[in-house]
């Protein structure tokens, strides 16, 4: 099998760029969604629109959200660490565990330290205060990303699609249940993406000089499909929310069914698109971070 020495320097630069880009995107989402009138209004419209057809999806939504607990997170982390260990990857087991822990701890710290000004747009939830980023979404996304890192190359692409799908379902479920605003889920994905980039840098530090990567371990087509699908979902979301923004002078509870549905569906597309892009980036780089030939 053809192998080549890892280009750690170039990979490290890409990881730093990705971390900074996702951090910038996180700040933009937080600033626009939390600290502007239009951002709060769109979030409120999406939350109001979740009532459309809610009775039909209550069961699946409850099952998804109830499955995410501290116990289930610990169990998933243990399984992920075990997968890495049986592959003989001690550094990977530790790094994947730190990724999950870091993403979820930082999510809780940010949620309780960030403030949300009350513009009078959503008085029913004003007492709740800040809810960004979403803890439930961070749990699902961090487990999904860690799974991509530890899985063997043969099943990595399948794991990426399943993990991204599960994380997307969790993010949309928090919106459907009225637990979180859409920006909360998007911010959680970006935060997990930042930690994934940091985890990648840690793996490069512990990577041996003689480690070699195999092009056969890469999944360019799967990453492209996942990334393109996510990008298209984000474009659809942007178009829907731009159309919706024309009605921003109307209180959310006075809107008709159509704009409410567009707000909900457009936000759901943005949620799914974000995690798809994050997962695609991880899938595209993981063969460089966890080479089959350790050296």
Foldseek 3Di string as FASTA:
>chain_A
DDWFFFPLVVLLVVLVVLLVVLVVVLVVLCCQLFVDLLNVQLLVLLLVLLVVVLVVCVVVLCVLQVCDDPVNLVVLLVVLLVLQVVLVHNLLNVLLSCLLVVLLVVQVVCQVPDFGDCPVQCVVCVVVTGCAAPNQLLSLLSSLLSNLLRDALVCNLVSLVVSLVSSLSNLLSCSSVSNDGLSNNLSSLSSSLSSSSVSLNSLSVPQDSPFIADPVSADLPSLCVLLVQLVVLLVLLVVLSVVLSVVSVDRSVPDDNVNSNSSNSSSSSNSSSSSSNSSSVSRRCSCSSDGSGRD
